[in-house]
């Protein structure tokens, strides 16, 4: 949401459940304004979950056992991959051989971003700033690494497999990415990822299909 979202005076009506026991807000929002209250910082919708937020960064919400829980949203997450997606669409479904994917997570890469490098054979290197990404122990070419994001190419060697394990390593330390849900990954001793059939498409730079183009014509490959 645009941080300069215009605010309306008195548009937010405070409620006090302790004064009205029958009150239960069915469609709550978590909204944060800047210190002066003139601009919206963020706003999140929570379906049927009444919440409260204090100035110390604590988020209060009721659990299924009707006990009030407190979550400190200012506490940084532990380092490690949290999500593997298609680098273009950011969809976290299955991966394909040759697909460019993005790994996201806190402190999974170097503080200083780095872009692809070529090895002695002129190929894109699979090690960048001491970072490696392995698919079933096969190193993936790395296109970009930063503190919270890694872009890699799924090795073609995984073709024919139904699932693939993915590891992110720095030096000799490895952290496994585990597909706990289709769009949510976390460190786990076991790791797997579904594979999908690859159906690439080659088009001209104008995104049109046609006959074979002359040598030197820019082409785009989609998969």
Protein backbone atom coordinates (compact mmCIF):
# COMPACT_ATOMS: atom_id res chain seq x y z
CA UNK A 1 0.00 0.00 0.00
CA UNK A 2 1.26 3.50 -0.79
CA UNK A 3 2.84 5.01 2.35
CA UNK A 4 1.31 8.35 1.35
CA UNK A 5 -2.18 6.92 1.53
CA UNK A 6 -4.43 9.84 2.54
CA UNK A 7 -5.88 9.49 6.01
CA UNK A 8 -9.30 10.65 7.16
CA UNK A 9 -9.58 12.22 10.62
CA UNK A 10 -11.46 10.00 13.09
CA UNK A 11 -11.85 7.25 10.48
CA UNK A 12 -10.54 4.67 12.94
CA UNK A 13 -12.97 4.15 15.79
CA UNK A 14 -11.37 2.80 18.99
CA UNK A 15 -13.16 -0.06 20.71
CA UNK A 16 -12.77 -1.42 24.21
CA UNK A 17 -13.82 -5.07 24.59
CA UNK A 18 -13.51 -4.88 28.36
CA UNK A 19 -16.30 -2.26 28.37
CA UNK A 20 -18.51 -4.23 26.00
CA UNK A 21 -18.10 -8.01 26.51
CA UNK A 22 -20.41 -8.74 23.58
CA UNK A 23 -18.13 -6.94 21.12
CA UNK A 24 -16.08 -9.17 18.82
CA UNK A 25 -14.53 -7.49 15.76
CA UNK A 26 -15.10 -9.92 12.86
CA UNK A 27 -12.81 -8.35 10.26
CA UNK A 28 -9.72 -6.87 11.98
CA UNK A 29 -6.85 -4.95 10.41
CA UNK A 30 -3.34 -4.32 11.68
CA UNK A 31 -2.49 -0.77 10.66
CA UNK A 32 0.64 1.21 11.47
CA UNK A 33 1.06 4.96 10.94
CA UNK A 34 4.21 7.02 11.12
CA UNK A 35 5.16 8.79 14.34
CA UNK A 36 3.17 11.91 13.45
CA UNK A 37 0.13 9.92 12.32
CA UNK A 38 0.08 11.62 8.92
CA UNK A 39 1.02 8.67 6.69
CA UNK A 40 0.29 4.97 6.59
CA UNK A 41 3.30 2.69 7.04
CA UNK A 42 1.50 -0.59 6.45
CA UNK A 43 -1.87 -2.26 6.89
CA UNK A 44 -2.57 -6.00 7.05
CA UNK A 45 -5.91 -7.78 6.99
CA UNK A 46 -6.47 -10.69 9.36
CA UNK A 47 -9.61 -12.73 8.83
CA UNK A 48 -11.63 -12.94 12.04
CA UNK A 49 -8.59 -12.49 14.29
CA UNK A 50 -8.79 -9.56 16.71
CA UNK A 51 -5.32 -8.23 17.42
CA UNK A 52 -3.57 -5.40 19.24
CA UNK A 53 -0.19 -3.76 18.65
CA UNK A 54 1.81 -1.70 21.15
CA UNK A 55 4.61 0.83 20.72
CA UNK A 56 7.27 -1.75 21.67
CA UNK A 57 6.61 -3.84 18.58
CA UNK A 58 4.52 -6.51 20.29
CA UNK A 59 1.56 -8.02 18.48
CA UNK A 60 -1.20 -9.48 20.65
CA UNK A 61 -3.68 -12.01 19.31
CA UNK A 62 -5.96 -14.67 20.83
CA UNK A 63 -5.10 -18.31 20.34
CA UNK A 64 -7.51 -21.19 19.77
CA UNK A 65 -7.43 -21.82 23.52
CA UNK A 66 -8.61 -18.24 24.19
CA UNK A 67 -5.25 -17.41 25.78
CA UNK A 68 -3.73 -14.10 24.74
CA UNK A 69 -0.46 -14.66 22.92
CA UNK A 70 2.25 -12.08 22.37
CA UNK A 71 4.46 -12.04 19.30
CA UNK A 72 7.33 -9.58 19.03
CA UNK A 73 7.33 -8.55 15.37
CA UNK A 74 10.53 -6.54 15.87
CA UNK A 75 12.59 -9.65 16.66
CA UNK A 76 14.70 -10.62 13.62
CA UNK A 77 14.09 -14.05 12.10
CA UNK A 78 16.83 -16.69 12.44
CA UNK A 79 18.98 -16.97 9.31
CA UNK A 80 18.07 -19.49 6.64
CA UNK A 81 16.06 -19.98 3.42
CA UNK A 82 12.33 -19.48 3.84
CA UNK A 83 11.03 -19.67 0.28
CA UNK A 84 12.02 -20.89 -3.20
CA UNK A 85 10.11 -19.36 -6.10
CA UNK A 86 10.20 -18.79 -9.82
CA UNK A 87 12.45 -15.76 -10.30
CA UNK A 88 10.00 -14.06 -12.68
CA UNK A 89 6.57 -14.81 -11.24
CA UNK A 90 7.61 -15.45 -7.61
CA UNK A 91 5.26 -18.45 -7.56
CA UNK A 92 6.40 -21.15 -5.17
CA UNK A 93 5.18 -24.27 -6.97
CA UNK A 94 7.32 -27.02 -8.52
CA UNK A 95 10.65 -26.33 -10.22
CA UNK A 96 11.82 -27.28 -13.73
CA UNK A 97 15.26 -28.14 -15.12
CA UNK A 98 16.81 -24.94 -16.44
CA UNK A 99 14.38 -22.71 -14.54
CA UNK A 100 15.70 -19.55 -12.89
CA UNK A 101 14.62 -19.61 -9.25
CA UNK A 102 14.95 -17.23 -6.32
CA UNK A 103 15.71 -18.28 -2.76
CA UNK A 104 14.58 -15.82 -0.09
CA UNK A 105 15.43 -15.74 3.59
CA UNK A 106 17.22 -13.69 6.24
CA UNK A 107 21.03 -13.74 6.08
CA UNK A 108 21.31 -16.46 3.43
CA UNK A 109 23.98 -14.64 1.46
CA UNK A 110 26.75 -12.04 1.70
CA UNK A 111 26.21 -8.52 3.00
CA UNK A 112 27.56 -7.15 -0.28
CA UNK A 113 25.52 -8.28 -3.33
CA UNK A 114 27.36 -10.04 -6.15
CA UNK A 115 26.36 -10.90 -9.71
CA UNK A 116 27.30 -13.88 -11.85
CA UNK A 117 30.89 -14.77 -12.63
CA UNK A 118 32.31 -17.01 -15.35
CA UNK A 119 34.57 -19.95 -14.54
CA UNK A 120 37.69 -20.96 -16.46
CA UNK A 121 35.53 -22.78 -19.03
CA UNK A 122 33.46 -19.67 -19.70
CA UNK A 123 30.39 -21.01 -17.91
CA UNK A 124 28.38 -19.32 -15.18
CA UNK A 125 30.05 -20.23 -11.90
CA UNK A 126 28.22 -22.26 -9.26
CA UNK A 127 30.12 -20.55 -6.45
CA UNK A 128 29.65 -16.85 -5.78
CA UNK A 129 30.95 -15.07 -2.68
CA UNK A 130 31.45 -18.52 -1.09
CA UNK A 131 27.76 -19.32 -1.63
CA UNK A 132 26.58 -22.50 -3.37
CA UNK A 133 23.11 -23.92 -4.06
CA UNK A 134 22.83 -27.67 -4.61
CA UNK A 135 19.98 -29.58 -6.26
CA UNK A 136 20.34 -33.26 -5.34
CA UNK A 137 24.03 -32.51 -4.71
CA UNK A 138 24.31 -30.92 -8.18
CA UNK A 139 25.67 -27.36 -8.00
CA UNK A 140 23.42 -24.73 -9.58
CA UNK A 141 24.80 -21.81 -11.61
CA UNK A 142 24.41 -18.66 -9.52
CA UNK A 143 23.22 -15.43 -11.13
CA UNK A 144 22.92 -13.20 -8.07
CA UNK A 145 23.55 -13.44 -4.34
CA UNK A 146 22.73 -10.95 -1.60
CA UNK A 147 22.00 -11.00 2.09
CA UNK A 148 18.35 -12.04 1.70
CA UNK A 149 18.08 -13.35 -1.87
CA UNK A 150 19.84 -15.84 -4.16
CA UNK A 151 19.03 -16.31 -7.86
CA UNK A 152 20.08 -19.65 -9.35
CA UNK A 153 19.45 -21.90 -12.37
CA UNK A 154 18.00 -25.35 -11.68
CA UNK A 155 20.51 -27.87 -13.11
CA UNK A 156 19.31 -29.82 -16.15
CA UNK A 157 20.61 -32.95 -14.44
CA UNK A 158 17.48 -33.12 -12.30
CA UNK A 159 15.36 -33.99 -15.36
CA UNK A 160 13.49 -37.26 -14.95
CA UNK A 161 13.23 -36.98 -11.17
CA UNK A 162 9.92 -36.52 -9.38
CA UNK A 163 11.43 -34.65 -6.43
CA UNK A 164 14.67 -32.84 -5.71
CA UNK A 165 16.39 -31.73 -2.52
CA UNK A 166 17.83 -28.24 -2.33
CA UNK A 167 20.69 -27.08 -0.14
CA UNK A 168 22.26 -23.69 0.36
CA UNK A 169 25.85 -23.77 1.58
CA UNK A 170 28.43 -21.18 2.56
CA UNK A 171 31.93 -22.54 2.72
CA UNK A 172 31.50 -25.93 4.37
CA UNK A 173 28.31 -25.10 6.32
CA UNK A 174 25.08 -26.27 4.72
CA UNK A 175 21.46 -25.45 5.40
CA UNK A 176 18.72 -27.56 3.87
CA UNK A 177 15.61 -25.97 2.37
CA UNK A 178 12.50 -28.05 3.03
CA UNK A 179 9.17 -27.73 1.23
CA UNK A 180 6.85 -27.67 4.21
CA UNK A 181 4.07 -26.01 2.17
CA UNK A 182 3.89 -25.10 -1.54
CA UNK A 183 4.97 -21.53 -0.82
CA UNK A 184 6.73 -21.75 2.53
CA UNK A 185 10.16 -23.25 3.09
CA UNK A 186 12.18 -23.54 6.28
CA UNK A 187 15.34 -25.30 7.50
CA UNK A 188 14.62 -29.00 8.13
CA UNK A 189 16.65 -32.26 8.23
CA UNK A 190 14.69 -33.62 5.26
CA UNK A 191 14.24 -31.75 2.02
CA UNK A 192 12.19 -32.30 -1.13
CA UNK A 193 10.74 -30.35 -4.01
CA UNK A 194 8.43 -31.51 -6.79
CA UNK A 195 9.58 -31.27 -10.41
CA UNK A 196 7.40 -30.34 -13.38
CA UNK A 197 7.86 -31.03 -17.07
CA UNK A 198 9.69 -28.28 -18.92
CA UNK A 199 8.00 -26.79 -21.98
CA UNK A 200 10.28 -23.97 -23.16
CA UNK A 201 9.30 -21.31 -25.66
CA UNK A 202 11.68 -19.26 -27.80
CA UNK A 203 10.47 -15.92 -29.11
CA UNK A 204 11.96 -12.82 -30.67
CA UNK A 205 12.79 -9.79 -28.55
CA UNK A 206 9.36 -8.45 -29.52
CA UNK A 207 7.76 -11.58 -27.94
CA UNK A 208 6.57 -12.93 -31.30
CA UNK A 209 6.84 -16.45 -32.71
CA UNK A 210 8.09 -17.02 -36.23
CA UNK A 211 10.59 -18.73 -38.48
CA UNK A 212 14.31 -19.10 -37.82
CA UNK A 213 15.89 -15.67 -37.47
CA UNK A 214 19.20 -14.49 -38.95
CA UNK A 215 22.36 -14.96 -36.92
CA UNK A 216 22.74 -12.26 -34.28
CA UNK A 217 19.00 -11.71 -33.81
CA UNK A 218 18.15 -11.33 -30.09
CA UNK A 219 15.88 -14.11 -28.83
CA UNK A 220 14.06 -14.69 -25.55
CA UNK A 221 13.65 -18.13 -24.00
CA UNK A 222 10.72 -18.75 -21.65
CA UNK A 223 10.16 -21.79 -19.46
